[in-house]
Amino acid sequence: YRPRLVKALSQGAQYLQASAAVVAKAGVFMFQRTIDFRA
């Protein structure tokens, strides 16, 4: 959320570690889906 502010707070390394921690415990998937309410 708001990557520029993460940088301003010098939390880039912290966010990289947090991202890795989430990936280690949960699946991360690319979901390409049809943009149509009928679908």
Full PDB file with SEQRES, HELIX, SHEET, SSBOND, CRYST1, ORIGX, SCALE, CONECT and MASTER records, all heavy atoms in Angstrom:
SEQRES   1 A   39  TYR ARG PRO ARG LEU VAL LYS ALA LEU SER GLN GLY ALA          
SEQRES   2 A   39  GLN TYR LEU GLN ALA SER ALA ALA VAL VAL ALA LYS ALA          
SEQRES   3 A   39  GLY VAL PHE MET PHE GLN ARG THR ILE ASP PHE ARG ALA          
HELIX    1 AA1 PRO A    3  ALA A    8  1                                   6    
HELIX    2 AA2 GLY A   12  LYS A   25  1                                  14    
CRYST1    1.000    1.000    1.000  90.00  90.00  90.00 P 1           1          
ORIGX1      1.000000  0.000000  0.000000        0.00000                         
ORIGX2      0.000000  1.000000  0.000000        0.00000                         
ORIGX3      0.000000  0.000000  1.000000        0.00000                         
SCALE1      1.000000  0.000000  0.000000        0.00000                         
SCALE2      0.000000  1.000000  0.000000        0.00000                         
SCALE3      0.000000  0.000000  1.000000        0.00000                         
ATOM      1  N   TYR A   1       0.843  -1.196   0.000  1.00  0.00           N  
ATOM      2  CA  TYR A   1       0.000   0.000   0.000  1.00  0.00           C  
ATOM      3  C   TYR A   1       0.876   1.243   0.000  1.00  0.00           C  
ATOM      4  O   TYR A   1       1.672   1.450   0.909  1.00  0.00           O  
ATOM      5  CB  TYR A   1      -0.924  -0.010   1.223  1.00  0.00           C  
ATOM      6  CG  TYR A   1      -2.006   1.027   1.148  1.00  0.00           C  
ATOM      7  CD1 TYR A   1      -3.112   0.838   0.338  1.00  0.00           C  
ATOM      8  CD2 TYR A   1      -1.916   2.206   1.880  1.00  0.00           C  
ATOM      9  CE1 TYR A   1      -4.119   1.784   0.266  1.00  0.00           C  
ATOM     10  CE2 TYR A   1      -2.916   3.162   1.807  1.00  0.00           C  
ATOM     11  CZ  TYR A   1      -4.011   2.947   0.995  1.00  0.00           C  
ATOM     12  OH  TYR A   1      -5.000   3.896   0.912  1.00  0.00           O  
ATOM     13  N   ARG A   2       0.763   2.055  -1.035  1.00  0.00           N  
ATOM     14  CA  ARG A   2       1.515   3.290  -1.206  1.00  0.00           C  
ATOM     15  C   ARG A   2       3.036   3.022  -1.175  1.00  0.00           C  
ATOM     16  O   ARG A   2       3.719   3.373  -0.208  1.00  0.00           O  
ATOM     17  CB  ARG A   2       1.139   4.317  -0.149  1.00  0.00           C  
ATOM     18  CG  ARG A   2      -0.343   4.681  -0.098  1.00  0.00           C  
ATOM     19  CD  ARG A   2      -0.744   5.489  -1.324  1.00  0.00           C  
ATOM     20  NE  ARG A   2      -2.062   6.093  -1.154  1.00  0.00           N  
ATOM     21  CZ  ARG A   2      -3.208   5.565  -1.578  1.00  0.00           C  
ATOM     22  NH1 ARG A   2      -3.185   4.388  -2.186  1.00  0.00           N  
ATOM     23  NH2 ARG A   2      -4.357   6.180  -1.411  1.00  0.00           N  
ATOM     24  N   PRO A   3       3.584   2.382  -2.218  1.00  0.00           N  
ATOM     25  CA  PRO A   3       5.009   2.040  -2.225  1.00  0.00           C  
ATOM     26  C   PRO A   3       5.941   3.223  -1.978  1.00  0.00           C  
ATOM     27  O   PRO A   3       6.989   3.069  -1.338  1.00  0.00           O  
ATOM     28  CB  PRO A   3       5.208   1.467  -3.641  1.00  0.00           C  
ATOM     29  CG  PRO A   3       3.856   0.985  -4.050  1.00  0.00           C  
ATOM     30  CD  PRO A   3       2.876   1.930  -3.418  1.00  0.00           C  
ATOM     31  N   ARG A   4       5.564   4.395  -2.451  1.00  0.00           N  
ATOM     32  CA  ARG A   4       6.429   5.566  -2.248  1.00  0.00           C  
ATOM     33  C   ARG A   4       6.603   5.882  -0.770  1.00  0.00           C  
ATOM     34  O   ARG A   4       7.674   6.315  -0.324  1.00  0.00           O  
ATOM     35  CB  ARG A   4       5.832   6.785  -2.979  1.00  0.00           C  
ATOM     36  CG  ARG A   4       6.731   8.016  -2.961  1.00  0.00           C  
ATOM     37  CD  ARG A   4       6.111   9.179  -3.692  1.00  0.00           C  
ATOM     38  NE  ARG A   4       4.893   9.646  -3.037  1.00  0.00           N  
ATOM     39  CZ  ARG A   4       4.229  10.747  -3.392  1.00  0.00           C  
ATOM     40  NH1 ARG A   4       4.662  11.478  -4.398  1.00  0.00           N  
ATOM     41  NH2 ARG A   4       3.134  11.102  -2.758  1.00  0.00           N  
ATOM     42  N   LEU A   5       5.533   5.649   0.009  1.00  0.00           N  
ATOM     43  CA  LEU A   5       5.605   5.935   1.433  1.00  0.00           C  
ATOM     44  C   LEU A   5       6.417   4.880   2.173  1.00  0.00           C  
ATOM     45  O   LEU A   5       7.064   5.181   3.179  1.00  0.00           O  
ATOM     46  CB  LEU A   5       4.199   6.045   2.015  1.00  0.00           C  
ATOM     47  CG  LEU A   5       3.330   7.138   1.377  1.00  0.00           C  
ATOM     48  CD1 LEU A   5       1.930   7.112   1.957  1.00  0.00           C  
ATOM     49  CD2 LEU A   5       3.964   8.507   1.562  1.00  0.00           C  
ATOM     50  N   VAL A   6       6.381   3.656   1.699  1.00  0.00           N  
ATOM     51  CA  VAL A   6       7.253   2.610   2.264  1.00  0.00           C  
ATOM     52  C   VAL A   6       8.706   3.020   2.106  1.00  0.00           C  
ATOM     53  O   VAL A   6       9.516   2.890   3.031  1.00  0.00           O  
ATOM     54  CB  VAL A   6       6.983   1.260   1.570  1.00  0.00           C  
ATOM     55  CG1 VAL A   6       8.043   0.226   1.978  1.00  0.00           C  
ATOM     56  CG2 VAL A   6       5.590   0.746   1.913  1.00  0.00           C  
ATOM     57  N   LYS A   7       9.030   3.551   0.939  1.00  0.00           N  
ATOM     58  CA  LYS A   7      10.390   4.026   0.696  1.00  0.00           C  
ATOM     59  C   LYS A   7      10.730   5.199   1.606  1.00  0.00           C  
ATOM     60  O   LYS A   7      11.824   5.272   2.175  1.00  0.00           O  
ATOM     61  CB  LYS A   7      10.541   4.426  -0.770  1.00  0.00           C  
ATOM     62  CG  LYS A   7      11.957   4.881  -1.145  1.00  0.00           C  
ATOM     63  CD  LYS A   7      12.044   5.220  -2.627  1.00  0.00           C  
ATOM     64  CE  LYS A   7      13.448   5.686  -2.987  1.00  0.00           C  
ATOM     65  NZ  LYS A   7      13.538   6.043  -4.439  1.00  0.00           N  
ATOM     66  N   ALA A   8       9.768   6.130   1.773  1.00  0.00           N  
ATOM     67  CA  ALA A   8      10.010   7.309   2.610  1.00  0.00           C  
ATOM     68  C   ALA A   8      10.274   6.920   4.058  1.00  0.00           C  
ATOM     69  O   ALA A   8      11.043   7.590   4.761  1.00  0.00           O  
ATOM     70  CB  ALA A   8       8.817   8.261   2.541  1.00  0.00           C  
ATOM     71  N   LEU A   9       9.660   5.827   4.512  1.00  0.00           N  
ATOM     72  CA  LEU A   9       9.842   5.362   5.881  1.00  0.00           C  
ATOM     73  C   LEU A   9      11.014   4.387   6.010  1.00  0.00           C  
ATOM     74  O   LEU A   9      11.201   3.782   7.077  1.00  0.00           O  
ATOM     75  CB  LEU A   9       8.555   4.698   6.382  1.00  0.00           C  
ATOM     76  CG  LEU A   9       7.385   5.659   6.621  1.00  0.00           C  
ATOM     77  CD1 LEU A   9       6.071   4.904   6.735  1.00  0.00           C  
ATOM     78  CD2 LEU A   9       7.624   6.496   7.873  1.00  0.00           C  
ATOM     79  N   SER A  10      11.786   4.244   4.936  1.00  0.00           N  
ATOM     80  CA  SER A  10      12.973   3.367   4.924  1.00  0.00           C  
ATOM     81  C   SER A  10      12.611   1.934   5.290  1.00  0.00           C  
ATOM     82  O   SER A  10      13.333   1.252   6.015  1.00  0.00           O  
ATOM     83  CB  SER A  10      14.045   3.910   5.885  1.00  0.00           C  
ATOM     84  OG  SER A  10      14.417   5.227   5.530  1.00  0.00           O  
ATOM     85  N   GLN A  11      11.482   1.450   4.753  1.00  0.00           N  
ATOM     86  CA  GLN A  11      11.002   0.114   5.084  1.00  0.00           C  
ATOM     87  C   GLN A  11      11.096  -0.848   3.901  1.00  0.00           C  
ATOM     88  O   GLN A  11      10.477  -1.912   3.914  1.00  0.00           O  
ATOM     89  CB  GLN A  11       9.557   0.182   5.585  1.00  0.00           C  
ATOM     90  CG  GLN A  11       9.412   0.886   6.925  1.00  0.00           C  
ATOM     91  CD  GLN A  11       7.983   0.888   7.427  1.00  0.00           C  
ATOM     92  OE1 GLN A  11       7.036   0.736   6.657  1.00  0.00           O  
ATOM     93  NE2 GLN A  11       7.808   1.064   8.725  1.00  0.00           N  
ATOM     94  N   GLY A  12      11.883  -0.490   2.896  1.00  0.00           N  
ATOM     95  CA  GLY A  12      11.988  -1.353   1.725  1.00  0.00           C  
ATOM     96  C   GLY A  12      12.466  -2.752   2.069  1.00  0.00           C  
ATOM     97  O   GLY A  12      11.879  -3.754   1.629  1.00  0.00           O  
ATOM     98  N   ALA A  13      13.533  -2.857   2.867  1.00  0.00           N  
ATOM     99  CA  ALA A  13      14.070  -4.165   3.246  1.00  0.00           C  
ATOM    100  C   ALA A  13      13.065  -4.933   4.103  1.00  0.00           C  
ATOM    101  O   ALA A  13      12.898  -6.150   3.948  1.00  0.00           O  
ATOM    102  CB  ALA A  13      15.386  -3.991   4.001  1.00  0.00           C  
ATOM    103  N   GLN A  14      12.396  -4.219   5.004  1.00  0.00           N  
ATOM    104  CA  GLN A  14      11.394  -4.846   5.860  1.00  0.00           C  
ATOM    105  C   GLN A  14      10.258  -5.424   5.030  1.00  0.00           C  
ATOM    106  O   GLN A  14       9.774  -6.539   5.305  1.00  0.00           O  
ATOM    107  CB  GLN A  14      10.852  -3.807   6.842  1.00  0.00           C  
ATOM    108  CG  GLN A  14       9.725  -4.292   7.735  1.00  0.00           C  
ATOM    109  CD  GLN A  14       9.202  -3.179   8.641  1.00  0.00           C  
ATOM    110  OE1 GLN A  14       9.945  -2.294   9.055  1.00  0.00           O  
ATOM    111  NE2 GLN A  14       7.904  -3.219   8.924  1.00  0.00           N  
ATOM    112  N   TYR A  15       9.835  -4.698   4.005  1.00  0.00           N  
ATOM    113  CA  TYR A  15       8.739  -5.176   3.166  1.00  0.00           C  
ATOM    114  C   TYR A  15       9.163  -6.352   2.293  1.00  0.00           C  
ATOM    115  O   TYR A  15       8.356  -7.247   2.011  1.00  0.00           O  
ATOM    116  CB  TYR A  15       8.167  -4.035   2.323  1.00  0.00           C  
ATOM    117  CG  TYR A  15       6.936  -3.450   2.960  1.00  0.00           C  
ATOM    118  CD1 TYR A  15       7.014  -2.752   4.166  1.00  0.00           C  
ATOM    119  CD2 TYR A  15       5.683  -3.640   2.406  1.00  0.00           C  
ATOM    120  CE1 TYR A  15       5.889  -2.248   4.783  1.00  0.00           C  
ATOM    121  CE2 TYR A  15       4.536  -3.137   3.003  1.00  0.00           C  
ATOM    122  CZ  TYR A  15       4.654  -2.445   4.194  1.00  0.00           C  
ATOM    123  OH  TYR A  15       3.518  -1.966   4.807  1.00  0.00           O  
ATOM    124  N   LEU A  16      10.410  -6.365   1.868  1.00  0.00           N  
ATOM    125  CA  LEU A  16      10.900  -7.515   1.107  1.00  0.00           C  
ATOM    126  C   LEU A  16      10.877  -8.769   1.986  1.00  0.00           C  
ATOM    127  O   LEU A  16      10.447  -9.846   1.558  1.00  0.00           O  
ATOM    128  CB  LEU A  16      12.314  -7.242   0.601  1.00  0.00           C  
ATOM    129  CG  LEU A  16      12.934  -8.329  -0.279  1.00  0.00           C  
ATOM    130  CD1 LEU A  16      12.108  -8.517  -1.550  1.00  0.00           C  
ATOM    131  CD2 LEU A  16      14.377  -7.970  -0.636  1.00  0.00           C  
ATOM    132  N   GLN A  17      11.323  -8.633   3.228  1.00  0.00           N  
ATOM    133  CA  GLN A  17      11.304  -9.762   4.158  1.00  0.00           C  
ATOM    134  C   GLN A  17       9.881 -10.208   4.464  1.00  0.00           C  
ATOM    135  O   GLN A  17       9.589 -11.410   4.541  1.00  0.00           O  
ATOM    136  CB  GLN A  17      12.020  -9.372   5.454  1.00  0.00           C  
ATOM    137  CG  GLN A  17      13.513  -9.149   5.295  1.00  0.00           C  
ATOM    138  CD  GLN A  17      14.156  -8.597   6.564  1.00  0.00           C  
ATOM    139  OE1 GLN A  17      13.473  -8.310   7.545  1.00  0.00           O  
ATOM    140  NE2 GLN A  17      15.473  -8.442   6.529  1.00  0.00           N  
ATOM    141  N   ALA A  18       8.975  -9.225   4.643  1.00  0.00           N  
ATOM    142  CA  ALA A  18       7.579  -9.561   4.927  1.00  0.00           C  
ATOM    143  C   ALA A  18       6.941 -10.276   3.741  1.00  0.00           C  
ATOM    144  O   ALA A  18       6.185 -11.245   3.926  1.00  0.00           O  
ATOM    145  CB  ALA A  18       6.806  -8.293   5.267  1.00  0.00           C  
ATOM    146  N   SER A  19       7.237  -9.819   2.541  1.00  0.00           N  
ATOM    147  CA  SER A  19       6.698 -10.470   1.342  1.00  0.00           C  
ATOM    148  C   SER A  19       7.166 -11.916   1.275  1.00  0.00           C  
ATOM    149  O   SER A  19       6.378 -12.833   0.994  1.00  0.00           O  
ATOM    150  CB  SER A  19       7.136  -9.714   0.085  1.00  0.00           C  
ATOM    151  OG  SER A  19       6.607  -8.406   0.059  1.00  0.00           O  
ATOM    152  N   ALA A  20       8.446 -12.129   1.537  1.00  0.00           N  
ATOM    153  CA  ALA A  20       8.994 -13.483   1.515  1.00  0.00           C  
ATOM    154  C   ALA A  20       8.340 -14.359   2.584  1.00  0.00           C  
ATOM    155  O   ALA A  20       8.070 -15.550   2.355  1.00  0.00           O  
ATOM    156  CB  ALA A  20      10.506 -13.441   1.716  1.00  0.00           C  
ATOM    157  N   ALA A  21       8.046 -13.779   3.747  1.00  0.00           N  
ATOM    158  CA  ALA A  21       7.408 -14.536   4.831  1.00  0.00           C  
ATOM    159  C   ALA A  21       6.007 -14.984   4.441  1.00  0.00           C  
ATOM    160  O   ALA A  21       5.583 -16.108   4.760  1.00  0.00           O  
ATOM    161  CB  ALA A  21       7.366 -13.694   6.099  1.00  0.00           C  
ATOM    162  N   VAL A  22       5.270 -14.122   3.742  1.00  0.00           N  
ATOM    163  CA  VAL A  22       3.931 -14.493   3.293  1.00  0.00           C  
ATOM    164  C   VAL A  22       4.014 -15.585   2.231  1.00  0.00           C  
ATOM    165  O   VAL A  22       3.277 -16.576   2.271  1.00  0.00           O  
ATOM    166  CB  VAL A  22       3.176 -13.258   2.756  1.00  0.00           C  
ATOM    167  CG1 VAL A  22       1.852 -13.679   2.101  1.00  0.00           C  
ATOM    168  CG2 VAL A  22       2.902 -12.270   3.878  1.00  0.00           C  
ATOM    169  N   VAL A  23       4.927 -15.419   1.275  1.00  0.00           N  
ATOM    170  CA  VAL A  23       5.075 -16.405   0.202  1.00  0.00           C  
ATOM    171  C   VAL A  23       5.462 -17.769   0.763  1.00  0.00           C  
ATOM    172  O   VAL A  23       5.031 -18.814   0.260  1.00  0.00           O  
ATOM    173  CB  VAL A  23       6.121 -15.921  -0.830  1.00  0.00           C  
ATOM    174  CG1 VAL A  23       6.391 -16.998  -1.868  1.00  0.00           C  
ATOM    175  CG2 VAL A  23       5.641 -14.646  -1.513  1.00  0.00           C  
ATOM    176  N   ALA A  24       6.244 -17.788   1.835  1.00  0.00           N  
ATOM    177  CA  ALA A  24       6.680 -19.051   2.434  1.00  0.00           C  
ATOM    178  C   ALA A  24       5.521 -19.823   3.057  1.00  0.00           C  
ATOM    179  O   ALA A  24       5.594 -21.048   3.211  1.00  0.00           O  
ATOM    180  CB  ALA A  24       7.752 -18.782   3.493  1.00  0.00           C  
ATOM    181  N   LYS A  25       4.445 -19.119   3.426  1.00  0.00           N  
ATOM    182  CA  LYS A  25       3.327 -19.752   4.115  1.00  0.00           C  
ATOM    183  C   LYS A  25       2.065 -19.867   3.257  1.00  0.00           C  
ATOM    184  O   LYS A  25       1.150 -20.627   3.596  1.00  0.00           O  
ATOM    185  CB  LYS A  25       2.981 -18.962   5.381  1.00  0.00           C  
ATOM    186  CG  LYS A  25       4.077 -18.943   6.436  1.00  0.00           C  
ATOM    187  CD  LYS A  25       4.280 -20.314   7.057  1.00  0.00           C  
ATOM    188  CE  LYS A  25       5.289 -20.256   8.192  1.00  0.00           C  
ATOM    189  NZ  LYS A  25       5.469 -21.592   8.823  1.00  0.00           N  
ATOM    190  N   ALA A  26       1.991 -19.113   2.181  1.00  0.00           N  
ATOM    191  CA  ALA A  26       0.763 -19.084   1.384  1.00  0.00           C  
ATOM    192  C   ALA A  26       1.101 -19.104  -0.099  1.00  0.00           C  
ATOM    193  O   ALA A  26       2.173 -18.645  -0.516  1.00  0.00           O  
ATOM    194  CB  ALA A  26      -0.049 -17.829   1.721  1.00  0.00           C  
ATOM    195  N   GLY A  27       0.163 -19.609  -0.891  1.00  0.00           N  
ATOM    196  CA  GLY A  27       0.360 -19.600  -2.329  1.00  0.00           C  
ATOM    197  C   GLY A  27       0.110 -18.223  -2.910  1.00  0.00           C  
ATOM    198  O   GLY A  27      -0.760 -17.488  -2.447  1.00  0.00           O  
ATOM    199  N   VAL A  28       0.908 -17.859  -3.906  1.00  0.00           N  
ATOM    200  CA  VAL A  28       0.713 -16.599  -4.631  1.00  0.00           C  
ATOM    201  C   VAL A  28       0.507 -16.962  -6.091  1.00  0.00           C  
ATOM    202  O   VAL A  28       1.352 -17.642  -6.696  1.00  0.00           O  
ATOM    203  CB  VAL A  28       1.911 -15.651  -4.455  1.00  0.00           C  
ATOM    204  CG1 VAL A  28       1.706 -14.378  -5.278  1.00  0.00           C  
ATOM    205  CG2 VAL A  28       2.102 -15.306  -2.980  1.00  0.00           C  
ATOM    206  N   PHE A  29      -0.597 -16.495  -6.653  1.00  0.00           N  
ATOM    207  CA  PHE A  29      -0.994 -16.919  -7.985  1.00  0.00           C  
ATOM    208  C   PHE A  29      -1.330 -15.720  -8.867  1.00  0.00           C  
ATOM    209  O   PHE A  29      -1.857 -14.717  -8.383  1.00  0.00           O  
ATOM    210  CB  PHE A  29      -2.223 -17.834  -7.907  1.00  0.00           C  
ATOM    211  CG  PHE A  29      -2.045 -19.012  -6.997  1.00  0.00           C  
ATOM    212  CD1 PHE A  29      -2.446 -18.925  -5.667  1.00  0.00           C  
ATOM    213  CD2 PHE A  29      -1.458 -20.183  -7.448  1.00  0.00           C  
ATOM    214  CE1 PHE A  29      -2.283 -20.003  -4.813  1.00  0.00           C  
ATOM    215  CE2 PHE A  29      -1.283 -21.268  -6.597  1.00  0.00           C  
ATOM    216  CZ  PHE A  29      -1.693 -21.182  -5.269  1.00  0.00           C  
ATOM    217  N   MET A  30      -1.023 -15.855 -10.151  1.00  0.00           N  
ATOM    218  CA  MET A  30      -1.456 -14.883 -11.142  1.00  0.00           C  
ATOM    219  C   MET A  30      -2.820 -15.330 -11.654  1.00  0.00           C  
ATOM    220  O   MET A  30      -2.967 -16.437 -12.173  1.00  0.00           O  
ATOM    221  CB  MET A  30      -0.464 -14.817 -12.294  1.00  0.00           C  
ATOM    222  CG  MET A  30      -0.755 -13.723 -13.292  1.00  0.00           C  
ATOM    223  SD  MET A  30      -0.352 -12.093 -12.643  1.00  0.00           S  
ATOM    224  CE  MET A  30       1.443 -12.174 -12.635  1.00  0.00           C  
ATOM    225  N   PHE A  31      -3.813 -14.483 -11.462  1.00  0.00           N  
ATOM    226  CA  PHE A  31      -5.181 -14.829 -11.860  1.00  0.00           C  
ATOM    227  C   PHE A  31      -5.620 -13.917 -12.996  1.00  0.00           C  
ATOM    228  O   PHE A  31      -5.902 -12.738 -12.795  1.00  0.00           O  
ATOM    229  CB  PHE A  31      -6.109 -14.691 -10.662  1.00  0.00           C  
ATOM    230  CG  PHE A  31      -7.540 -15.113 -10.929  1.00  0.00           C  
ATOM    231  CD1 PHE A  31      -7.846 -15.999 -11.954  1.00  0.00           C  
ATOM    232  CD2 PHE A  31      -8.585 -14.632 -10.148  1.00  0.00           C  
ATOM    233  CE1 PHE A  31      -9.147 -16.402 -12.201  1.00  0.00           C  
ATOM    234  CE2 PHE A  31      -9.896 -15.018 -10.374  1.00  0.00           C  
ATOM    235  CZ  PHE A  31     -10.178 -15.907 -11.408  1.00  0.00           C  
ATOM    236  N   GLN A  32      -5.665 -14.472 -14.194  1.00  0.00           N  
ATOM    237  CA  GLN A  32      -6.157 -13.738 -15.354  1.00  0.00           C  
ATOM    238  C   GLN A  32      -7.600 -14.164 -15.580  1.00  0.00           C  
ATOM    239  O   GLN A  32      -7.872 -15.348 -15.807  1.00  0.00           O  
ATOM    240  CB  GLN A  32      -5.306 -14.050 -16.585  1.00  0.00           C  
ATOM    241  CG  GLN A  32      -3.856 -13.610 -16.422  1.00  0.00           C  
ATOM    242  CD  GLN A  32      -3.065 -13.743 -17.705  1.00  0.00           C  
ATOM    243  OE1 GLN A  32      -3.186 -12.910 -18.599  1.00  0.00           O  
ATOM    244  NE2 GLN A  32      -2.264 -14.781 -17.799  1.00  0.00           N  
ATOM    245  N   ARG A  33      -8.507 -13.192 -15.491  1.00  0.00           N  
ATOM    246  CA  ARG A  33      -9.914 -13.539 -15.614  1.00  0.00           C  
ATOM    247  C   ARG A  33     -10.623 -12.567 -16.530  1.00  0.00           C  
ATOM    248  O   ARG A  33     -10.186 -11.446 -16.764  1.00  0.00           O  
ATOM    249  CB  ARG A  33     -10.589 -13.624 -14.250  1.00  0.00           C  
ATOM    250  CG  ARG A  33     -11.106 -12.328 -13.675  1.00  0.00           C  
ATOM    251  CD  ARG A  33     -10.039 -11.563 -12.972  1.00  0.00           C  
ATOM    252  NE  ARG A  33     -10.604 -10.359 -12.345  1.00  0.00           N  
ATOM    253  CZ  ARG A  33     -10.075  -9.159 -12.517  1.00  0.00           C  
ATOM    254  NH1 ARG A  33      -9.018  -9.001 -13.267  1.00  0.00           N  
ATOM    255  NH2 ARG A  33     -10.614  -8.110 -11.911  1.00  0.00           N  
ATOM    256  N   THR A  34     -11.763 -13.018 -17.032  1.00  0.00           N  
ATOM    257  CA  THR A  34     -12.557 -12.240 -17.967  1.00  0.00           C  
ATOM    258  C   THR A  34     -13.206 -11.063 -17.247  1.00  0.00           C  
ATOM    259  O   THR A  34     -13.841 -11.231 -16.208  1.00  0.00           O  
ATOM    260  CB  THR A  34     -13.651 -13.116 -18.588  1.00  0.00           C  
ATOM    261  OG1 THR A  34     -13.054 -14.279 -19.165  1.00  0.00           O  
ATOM    262  CG2 THR A  34     -14.426 -12.350 -19.648  1.00  0.00           C  
ATOM    263  N   ILE A  35     -13.020  -9.860 -17.797  1.00  0.00           N  
ATOM    264  CA  ILE A  35     -13.635  -8.661 -17.219  1.00  0.00           C  
ATOM    265  C   ILE A  35     -14.995  -8.464 -17.875  1.00  0.00           C  
ATOM    266  O   ILE A  35     -15.167  -7.705 -18.824  1.00  0.00           O  
ATOM    267  CB  ILE A  35     -12.743  -7.418 -17.429  1.00  0.00           C  
ATOM    268  CG1 ILE A  35     -11.329  -7.693 -16.940  1.00  0.00           C  
ATOM    269  CG2 ILE A  35     -13.339  -6.211 -16.707  1.00  0.00           C  
ATOM    270  CD1 ILE A  35     -11.219  -7.961 -15.460  1.00  0.00           C  
ATOM    271  N   ASP A  36     -15.967  -9.201 -17.380  1.00  0.00           N  
ATOM    272  CA  ASP A  36     -17.329  -9.146 -17.921  1.00  0.00           C  
ATOM    273  C   ASP A  36     -18.248  -9.696 -16.839  1.00  0.00           C  
ATOM    274  O   ASP A  36     -18.084 -10.835 -16.393  1.00  0.00           O  
ATOM    275  CB  ASP A  36     -17.423  -9.998 -19.190  1.00  0.00           C  
ATOM    276  CG  ASP A  36     -18.762  -9.860 -19.890  1.00  0.00           C  
ATOM    277  OD1 ASP A  36     -19.750  -9.490 -19.221  1.00  0.00           O  
ATOM    278  OD2 ASP A  36     -18.828 -10.127 -21.106  1.00  0.00           O  
ATOM    279  N   PHE A  37     -19.210  -8.890 -16.400  1.00  0.00           N  
ATOM    280  CA  PHE A  37     -20.100  -9.325 -15.321  1.00  0.00           C  
ATOM    281  C   PHE A  37     -20.880 -10.576 -15.712  1.00  0.00           C  
ATOM    282  O   PHE A  37     -21.256 -11.373 -14.851  1.00  0.00           O  
ATOM    283  CB  PHE A  37     -21.053  -8.197 -14.934  1.00  0.00           C  
ATOM    284  CG  PHE A  37     -20.402  -7.122 -14.113  1.00  0.00           C  
ATOM    285  CD1 PHE A  37     -19.951  -5.948 -14.705  1.00  0.00           C  
ATOM    286  CD2 PHE A  37     -20.223  -7.288 -12.750  1.00  0.00           C  
ATOM    287  CE1 PHE A  37     -19.344  -4.957 -13.951  1.00  0.00           C  
ATOM    288  CE2 PHE A  37     -19.613  -6.305 -11.988  1.00  0.00           C  
ATOM    289  CZ  PHE A  37     -19.170  -5.140 -12.590  1.00  0.00           C  
ATOM    290  N   ARG A  38     -21.109 -10.779 -17.011  1.00  0.00           N  
ATOM    291  CA  ARG A  38     -21.833 -11.972 -17.441  1.00  0.00           C  
ATOM    292  C   ARG A  38     -21.014 -13.235 -17.190  1.00  0.00           C  
ATOM    293  O   ARG A  38     -21.579 -14.333 -17.125  1.00  0.00           O  
ATOM    294  CB  ARG A  38     -22.183 -11.855 -18.922  1.00  0.00           C  
ATOM    295  CG  ARG A  38     -23.200 -10.750 -19.241  1.00  0.00           C  
ATOM    296  CD  ARG A  38     -23.342 -10.539 -20.722  1.00  0.00           C  
ATOM    297  NE  ARG A  38     -22.098 -10.092 -21.328  1.00  0.00           N  
ATOM    298  CZ  ARG A  38     -21.943  -9.814 -22.613  1.00  0.00           C  
ATOM    299  NH1 ARG A  38     -22.978  -9.945 -23.432  1.00  0.00           N  
ATOM    300  NH2 ARG A  38     -20.780  -9.399 -23.079  1.00  0.00           N  
ATOM    301  N   ALA A  39     -19.693 -13.074 -17.051  1.00  0.00           N  
ATOM    302  CA  ALA A  39     -18.823 -14.231 -16.821  1.00  0.00           C  
ATOM    303  C   ALA A  39     -18.486 -14.425 -15.349  1.00  0.00           C  
ATOM    304  O   ALA A  39     -17.708 -15.322 -15.015  1.00  0.00           O  
ATOM    305  CB  ALA A  39     -17.528 -14.056 -17.624  1.00  0.00           C  
TER     306      ALA A  39                                                      
MASTER        0    0    0    2    0    0    0    6  305    1    0    3          
END                                                                             
